[in-house]
Amino acid sequence: MKSKNSVITGNYFNKYKSKNLLYSILVDHYRFALQSLIQDLPIDTCLEIGSGEGYIIDYILSTKPEIQIIGSDIGFSVVSLAKTDRQFVKWCVSDGKNIPITENSFDIVFACEVLEHIDKPIDVLKEINRVSKKYVIISVPFEPFWRIMNIMRLKYLSSLGNTPGHINHWSINGITKLVEVYFQPIDVRISFPWIFIKAQKR
């Protein structure tokens, strides 16, 4: 889905609703990884940056049903879509580099499959650090395996398997070094073909 500024928002390919068995298995593993990262954390408030259609919020709420959540995305249309079935969640339209929220507002901030779309991802990390009280969860596609999988399914061949809108390509070392600028990683794991990092403010 694209905003009027031609920024890709939401899911270019909606893997969460795919009927393909392999994608269903991978997404189930993704959900399990995310939920296992937060299940023991003492968190009551949460912000998700780049909420898209709201699937990550569903995963969070199924693990932490009492948590107070604000979902956000850069596109009004995708926020409206996500809000339709989640009226109990607060929503805002915002750029991840300029979040209209005061500092130290949330126990945890999520940015799942966001940083690969951002021209200056360090600016988003800086803003996440400002609004987070303590924790952050980051996930990004695990490269080069993400593009290899696209090539194997004969997708985006003209761009060597690069998903439209992906302008950054993260290895484990690369995304860990970026996160370490503002946070101390406490759990780095692979849920193929994604990398997850749980980190704490320094």
C-alpha atoms as a PDB file:
ATOM      1  CA  MET A   1       0.000   0.000   0.000  1.00  0.00           C
ATOM      2  CA  LYS A   2       1.317   3.459  -0.842  1.00  0.00           C
ATOM      3  CA  SER A   3       0.677   6.857   0.656  1.00  0.00           C
ATOM      4  CA  LYS A   4       0.197   9.899  -1.534  1.00  0.00           C
ATOM      5  CA  ASN A   5       3.905  10.618  -1.048  1.00  0.00           C
ATOM      6  CA  SER A   6       4.717   7.246  -2.684  1.00  0.00           C
ATOM      7  CA  VAL A   7       6.130   5.844   0.540  1.00  0.00           C
ATOM      8  CA  ILE A   8       5.331   2.163   0.854  1.00  0.00           C
ATOM      9  CA  THR A   9       3.267   1.571   3.965  1.00  0.00           C
ATOM     10  CA  GLY A  10       1.568  -1.540   5.264  1.00  0.00           C
ATOM     11  CA  ASN A  11       2.665  -4.805   3.649  1.00  0.00           C
ATOM     12  CA  TYR A  12       3.744  -4.795   0.000  1.00  0.00           C
ATOM     13  CA  PHE A  13       2.988  -8.525   0.106  1.00  0.00           C
ATOM     14  CA  ASN A  14       0.620  -9.500   2.908  1.00  0.00           C
ATOM     15  CA  LYS A  15       2.389 -12.551   4.276  1.00  0.00           C
ATOM     16  CA  TYR A  16       0.136 -12.504   7.345  1.00  0.00           C
ATOM     17  CA  LYS A  17      -2.867 -13.460   5.206  1.00  0.00           C
ATOM     18  CA  SER A  18      -1.057 -15.695   2.731  1.00  0.00           C
ATOM     19  CA  LYS A  19      -2.557 -19.150   2.145  1.00  0.00           C
ATOM     20  CA  ASN A  20       0.852 -20.502   1.169  1.00  0.00           C
ATOM     21  CA  LEU A  21       1.846 -23.198   3.685  1.00  0.00           C
ATOM     22  CA  LEU A  22       5.486 -22.102   3.853  1.00  0.00           C
ATOM     23  CA  TYR A  23       4.559 -18.493   4.564  1.00  0.00           C
ATOM     24  CA  SER A  24       2.062 -19.605   7.194  1.00  0.00           C
ATOM     25  CA  ILE A  25       4.788 -21.585   8.965  1.00  0.00           C
ATOM     26  CA  LEU A  26       7.299 -18.713   8.776  1.00  0.00           C
ATOM     27  CA  VAL A  27       4.759 -16.192  10.093  1.00  0.00           C
ATOM     28  CA  ASP A  28       3.810 -18.548  12.939  1.00  0.00           C
ATOM     29  CA  HIS A  29       7.494 -18.754  13.897  1.00  0.00           C
ATOM     30  CA  TYR A  30       7.755 -14.959  13.666  1.00  0.00           C
ATOM     31  CA  ARG A  31       4.766 -14.542  15.990  1.00  0.00           C
ATOM     32  CA  PHE A  32       6.199 -17.058  18.473  1.00  0.00           C
ATOM     33  CA  ALA A  33       9.587 -15.302  18.485  1.00  0.00           C
ATOM     34  CA  LEU A  34       8.053 -11.884  19.114  1.00  0.00           C
ATOM     35  CA  GLN A  35       5.752 -13.142  21.855  1.00  0.00           C
ATOM     36  CA  SER A  36       8.527 -15.055  23.592  1.00  0.00           C
ATOM     37  CA  LEU A  37      10.658 -11.896  23.664  1.00  0.00           C
ATOM     38  CA  ILE A  38       8.045  -9.945  25.602  1.00  0.00           C
ATOM     39  CA  GLN A  39       6.178 -12.494  27.683  1.00  0.00           C
ATOM     40  CA  ASP A  40       8.329 -12.025  30.803  1.00  0.00           C
ATOM     41  CA  LEU A  41       8.918  -8.279  30.491  1.00  0.00           C
ATOM     42  CA  PRO A  42       7.303  -5.973  33.106  1.00  0.00           C
ATOM     43  CA  ILE A  43       5.606  -3.702  30.543  1.00  0.00           C
ATOM     44  CA  ASP A  44       2.318  -1.814  30.810  1.00  0.00           C
ATOM     45  CA  THR A  45       2.583   0.709  27.966  1.00  0.00           C
ATOM     46  CA  CYS A  46       3.633   0.255  24.369  1.00  0.00           C
ATOM     47  CA  LEU A  47       4.119   2.155  21.123  1.00  0.00           C
ATOM     48  CA  GLU A  48       4.406   0.437  17.769  1.00  0.00           C
ATOM     49  CA  ILE A  49       6.013   2.400  14.952  1.00  0.00           C
ATOM     50  CA  GLY A  50       4.946   1.316  11.487  1.00  0.00           C
ATOM     51  CA  SER A  51       1.915  -0.668  12.614  1.00  0.00           C
ATOM     52  CA  GLY A  52       0.682  -1.303   9.085  1.00  0.00           C
ATOM     53  CA  GLU A  53      -2.554  -3.271   9.172  1.00  0.00           C
ATOM     54  CA  GLY A  54      -2.167  -4.069  12.887  1.00  0.00           C
ATOM     55  CA  TYR A  55      -1.016  -7.680  12.946  1.00  0.00           C
ATOM     56  CA  ILE A  56       1.896  -7.074  15.339  1.00  0.00           C
ATOM     57  CA  ILE A  57      -0.479  -5.307  17.715  1.00  0.00           C
ATOM     58  CA  ASP A  58      -2.652  -8.434  17.689  1.00  0.00           C
ATOM     59  CA  TYR A  59       0.394 -10.540  18.610  1.00  0.00           C
ATOM     60  CA  ILE A  60       1.304  -8.184  21.451  1.00  0.00           C
ATOM     61  CA  LEU A  61      -2.212  -8.123  22.865  1.00  0.00           C
ATOM     62  CA  SER A  62      -2.532 -11.895  22.774  1.00  0.00           C
ATOM     63  CA  THR A  63       0.552 -12.055  25.024  1.00  0.00           C
ATOM     64  CA  LYS A  64      -0.054  -8.911  27.116  1.00  0.00           C
ATOM     65  CA  PRO A  65      -3.849  -8.396  27.007  1.00  0.00           C
ATOM     66  CA  GLU A  66      -3.826  -5.566  29.574  1.00  0.00           C
ATOM     67  CA  ILE A  67      -1.121  -3.499  27.942  1.00  0.00           C
ATOM     68  CA  GLN A  68      -1.951   0.033  26.771  1.00  0.00           C
ATOM     69  CA  ILE A  69      -0.976   0.406  23.116  1.00  0.00           C
ATOM     70  CA  ILE A  70      -0.604   3.233  20.657  1.00  0.00           C
ATOM     71  CA  GLY A  71      -0.223   2.157  17.046  1.00  0.00           C
ATOM     72  CA  SER A  72       1.248   4.477  14.432  1.00  0.00           C
ATOM     73  CA  ASP A  73       2.032   4.610  10.754  1.00  0.00           C
ATOM     74  CA  ILE A  74       2.982   7.239   8.206  1.00  0.00           C
ATOM     75  CA  GLY A  75      -0.095   6.633   6.051  1.00  0.00           C
ATOM     76  CA  PHE A  76      -3.579   7.773   7.059  1.00  0.00           C
ATOM     77  CA  SER A  77      -5.230   5.109   4.897  1.00  0.00           C
ATOM     78  CA  VAL A  78      -3.400   2.190   6.502  1.00  0.00           C
ATOM     79  CA  VAL A  79      -4.026   3.569  10.010  1.00  0.00           C
ATOM     80  CA  SER A  80      -7.735   3.843   9.194  1.00  0.00           C
ATOM     81  CA  LEU A  81      -7.724   0.238   7.974  1.00  0.00           C
ATOM     82  CA  ALA A  82      -5.973  -1.049  11.100  1.00  0.00           C
ATOM     83  CA  LYS A  83      -8.264   0.958  13.361  1.00  0.00           C
ATOM     84  CA  THR A  84     -11.428  -0.545  11.864  1.00  0.00           C
ATOM     85  CA  ASP A  85     -11.129  -3.815  13.809  1.00  0.00           C
ATOM     86  CA  ARG A  86      -9.141  -2.384  16.730  1.00  0.00           C
ATOM     87  CA  GLN A  87     -11.163   0.517  18.080  1.00  0.00           C
ATOM     88  CA  PHE A  88      -9.809  -0.172  21.588  1.00  0.00           C
ATOM     89  CA  VAL A  89      -6.265   0.713  20.445  1.00  0.00           C
ATOM     90  CA  LYS A  90      -5.176   4.354  20.237  1.00  0.00           C
ATOM     91  CA  TRP A  91      -3.749   5.401  16.876  1.00  0.00           C
ATOM     92  CA  CYS A  92      -1.753   8.222  15.369  1.00  0.00           C
ATOM     93  CA  VAL A  93      -0.418   9.123  11.949  1.00  0.00           C
ATOM     94  CA  SER A  94       3.249  10.005  12.274  1.00  0.00           C
ATOM     95  CA  ASP A  95       6.687   9.685  10.753  1.00  0.00           C
ATOM     96  CA  GLY A  96       8.981   7.493  12.830  1.00  0.00           C
ATOM     97  CA  LYS A  97      11.549  10.295  12.808  1.00  0.00           C
ATOM     98  CA  ASN A  98       9.101  12.751  14.378  1.00  0.00           C
ATOM     99  CA  ILE A  99       6.799  11.102  16.910  1.00  0.00           C
ATOM    100  CA  PRO A 100       4.361  13.595  18.489  1.00  0.00           C
ATOM    101  CA  ILE A 101       4.749  12.132  21.982  1.00  0.00           C
ATOM    102  CA  THR A 102       6.688  13.283  25.036  1.00  0.00           C
ATOM    103  CA  GLU A 103       9.926  11.588  26.082  1.00  0.00           C
ATOM    104  CA  ASN A 104      10.018   8.466  28.273  1.00  0.00           C
ATOM    105  CA  SER A 105       6.347   7.708  27.578  1.00  0.00           C
ATOM    106  CA  PHE A 106       6.392   3.944  26.917  1.00  0.00           C
ATOM    107  CA  ASP A 107       7.781   0.901  28.681  1.00  0.00           C
ATOM    108  CA  ILE A 108       8.540  -0.608  25.271  1.00  0.00           C
ATOM    109  CA  VAL A 109       8.624   0.544  21.655  1.00  0.00           C
ATOM    110  CA  PHE A 110       8.313  -1.799  18.680  1.00  0.00           C
ATOM    111  CA  ALA A 111       9.659  -1.176  15.181  1.00  0.00           C
ATOM    112  CA  CYS A 112       9.020  -4.373  13.254  1.00  0.00           C
ATOM    113  CA  GLU A 113      10.043  -4.392   9.604  1.00  0.00           C
ATOM    114  CA  VAL A 114      10.438  -0.627   9.556  1.00  0.00           C
ATOM    115  CA  LEU A 115      14.145   0.197   9.383  1.00  0.00           C
ATOM    116  CA  GLU A 116      14.673  -1.393   5.970  1.00  0.00           C
ATOM    117  CA  HIS A 117      12.360   1.292   4.539  1.00  0.00           C
ATOM    118  CA  ILE A 118      14.042   4.348   6.122  1.00  0.00           C
ATOM    119  CA  ASP A 119      16.682   6.480   4.405  1.00  0.00           C
ATOM    120  CA  LYS A 120      18.285   7.442   7.738  1.00  0.00           C
ATOM    121  CA  PRO A 121      17.393   4.655  10.207  1.00  0.00           C
ATOM    122  CA  ILE A 122      19.606   6.165  12.914  1.00  0.00           C
ATOM    123  CA  ASP A 123      17.106   9.053  13.116  1.00  0.00           C
ATOM    124  CA  VAL A 124      14.310   6.587  13.918  1.00  0.00           C
ATOM    125  CA  LEU A 125      16.454   4.886  16.581  1.00  0.00           C
ATOM    126  CA  LYS A 126      17.147   8.282  18.143  1.00  0.00           C
ATOM    127  CA  GLU A 127      13.428   9.023  18.309  1.00  0.00           C
ATOM    128  CA  ILE A 128      12.640   5.577  19.705  1.00  0.00           C
ATOM    129  CA  ASN A 129      15.243   6.191  22.401  1.00  0.00           C
ATOM    130  CA  ARG A 130      13.548   9.501  23.250  1.00  0.00           C
ATOM    131  CA  VAL A 131      10.037   8.082  23.756  1.00  0.00           C
ATOM    132  CA  SER A 132      11.004   4.725  25.299  1.00  0.00           C
ATOM    133  CA  LYS A 133      11.372   4.336  29.048  1.00  0.00           C
ATOM    134  CA  LYS A 134      13.350   1.113  28.871  1.00  0.00           C
ATOM    135  CA  TYR A 135      12.882  -1.468  26.094  1.00  0.00           C
ATOM    136  CA  VAL A 136      12.772  -1.742  22.327  1.00  0.00           C
ATOM    137  CA  ILE A 137      11.971  -4.619  19.979  1.00  0.00           C
ATOM    138  CA  ILE A 138      13.372  -4.379  16.449  1.00  0.00           C
ATOM    139  CA  SER A 139      12.838  -6.815  13.586  1.00  0.00           C
ATOM    140  CA  VAL A 140      14.227  -6.620  10.053  1.00  0.00           C
ATOM    141  CA  PRO A 141      14.546  -9.004   7.099  1.00  0.00           C
ATOM    142  CA  PHE A 142      17.670 -11.160   7.358  1.00  0.00           C
ATOM    143  CA  GLU A 143      19.815 -10.412   4.313  1.00  0.00           C
ATOM    144  CA  PRO A 144      20.932 -11.716   1.910  1.00  0.00           C
ATOM    145  CA  PHE A 145      18.583 -14.614   2.619  1.00  0.00           C
ATOM    146  CA  TRP A 146      15.462 -12.457   2.230  1.00  0.00           C
ATOM    147  CA  ARG A 147      16.398 -11.570  -1.343  1.00  0.00           C
ATOM    148  CA  ILE A 148      17.510 -15.127  -2.100  1.00  0.00           C
ATOM    149  CA  MET A 149      14.079 -16.390  -1.051  1.00  0.00           C
ATOM    150  CA  ASN A 150      12.415 -13.832  -3.314  1.00  0.00           C
ATOM    151  CA  ILE A 151      14.564 -14.994  -6.237  1.00  0.00           C
ATOM    152  CA  MET A 152      13.703 -18.622  -5.474  1.00  0.00           C
ATOM    153  CA  ARG A 153      10.011 -17.789  -5.773  1.00  0.00           C
ATOM    154  CA  LEU A 154      10.747 -15.797  -8.964  1.00  0.00           C
ATOM    155  CA  LYS A 155       9.812 -12.426  -7.452  1.00  0.00           C
ATOM    156  CA  TYR A 156      11.462  -9.032  -8.063  1.00  0.00           C
ATOM    157  CA  LEU A 157      14.039 -10.599 -10.355  1.00  0.00           C
ATOM    158  CA  SER A 158      14.865  -7.298 -12.075  1.00  0.00           C
ATOM    159  CA  SER A 159      16.015  -5.904  -8.713  1.00  0.00           C
ATOM    160  CA  LEU A 160      17.847  -9.104  -7.710  1.00  0.00           C
ATOM    161  CA  GLY A 161      15.118 -10.139  -5.292  1.00  0.00           C
ATOM    162  CA  ASN A 162      14.874  -6.819  -3.462  1.00  0.00           C
ATOM    163  CA  THR A 163      11.363  -6.191  -2.151  1.00  0.00           C
ATOM    164  CA  PRO A 164      10.029  -2.820  -3.366  1.00  0.00           C
ATOM    165  CA  GLY A 165      10.616  -0.180  -0.707  1.00  0.00           C
ATOM    166  CA  HIS A 166      13.594  -1.913   0.930  1.00  0.00           C
ATOM    167  CA  ILE A 167      16.476   0.542   0.838  1.00  0.00           C
ATOM    168  CA  ASN A 168      18.526  -0.963   3.691  1.00  0.00           C
ATOM    169  CA  HIS A 169      19.692  -4.577   3.885  1.00  0.00           C
ATOM    170  CA  TRP A 170      20.594  -5.873   7.308  1.00  0.00           C
ATOM    171  CA  SER A 171      22.949  -8.599   8.451  1.00  0.00           C
ATOM    172  CA  ILE A 172      22.964  -9.611  12.124  1.00  0.00           C
ATOM    173  CA  ASN A 173      26.141  -7.609  12.700  1.00  0.00           C
ATOM    174  CA  GLY A 174      24.863  -4.556  10.823  1.00  0.00           C
ATOM    175  CA  ILE A 175      21.528  -4.185  12.622  1.00  0.00           C
ATOM    176  CA  THR A 176      23.115  -4.972  16.005  1.00  0.00           C
ATOM    177  CA  LYS A 177      25.696  -2.202  15.557  1.00  0.00           C
ATOM    178  CA  LEU A 178      22.952   0.258  14.632  1.00  0.00           C
ATOM    179  CA  VAL A 179      20.840  -0.601  17.677  1.00  0.00           C
ATOM    180  CA  GLU A 180      23.898  -0.378  19.945  1.00  0.00           C
ATOM    181  CA  VAL A 181      24.204   3.351  19.243  1.00  0.00           C
ATOM    182  CA  TYR A 182      21.326   3.975  21.675  1.00  0.00           C
ATOM    183  CA  PHE A 183      20.483   0.616  23.268  1.00  0.00           C
ATOM    184  CA  GLN A 184      22.122  -2.406  24.873  1.00  0.00           C
ATOM    185  CA  PRO A 185      20.985  -5.604  23.076  1.00  0.00           C
ATOM    186  CA  ILE A 186      19.881  -8.271  25.540  1.00  0.00           C
ATOM    187  CA  ASP A 187      18.556 -10.856  23.075  1.00  0.00           C
ATOM    188  CA  VAL A 188      19.435 -11.231  19.382  1.00  0.00           C
ATOM    189  CA  ARG A 189      17.810 -14.101  17.542  1.00  0.00           C
ATOM    190  CA  ILE A 190      16.845 -15.380  14.114  1.00  0.00           C
ATOM    191  CA  SER A 191      13.309 -16.314  13.187  1.00  0.00           C
ATOM    192  CA  PHE A 192      14.155 -17.088   9.595  1.00  0.00           C
ATOM    193  CA  PRO A 193      14.058 -15.008   7.436  1.00  0.00           C
ATOM    194  CA  TRP A 194      13.931 -12.212  10.061  1.00  0.00           C
ATOM    195  CA  ILE A 195      16.304 -10.890  12.698  1.00  0.00           C
ATOM    196  CA  PHE A 196      14.902  -9.880  16.100  1.00  0.00           C
ATOM    197  CA  ILE A 197      16.639  -7.699  18.661  1.00  0.00           C
ATOM    198  CA  LYS A 198      15.360  -7.029  22.160  1.00  0.00           C
ATOM    199  CA  ALA A 199      17.342  -4.186  23.708  1.00  0.00           C
ATOM    200  CA  GLN A 200      17.358  -1.910  26.732  1.00  0.00           C
ATOM    201  CA  LYS A 201      18.100   1.813  27.038  1.00  0.00           C
ATOM    202  CA  ARG A 202      21.613   2.608  28.155  1.00  0.00           C
END
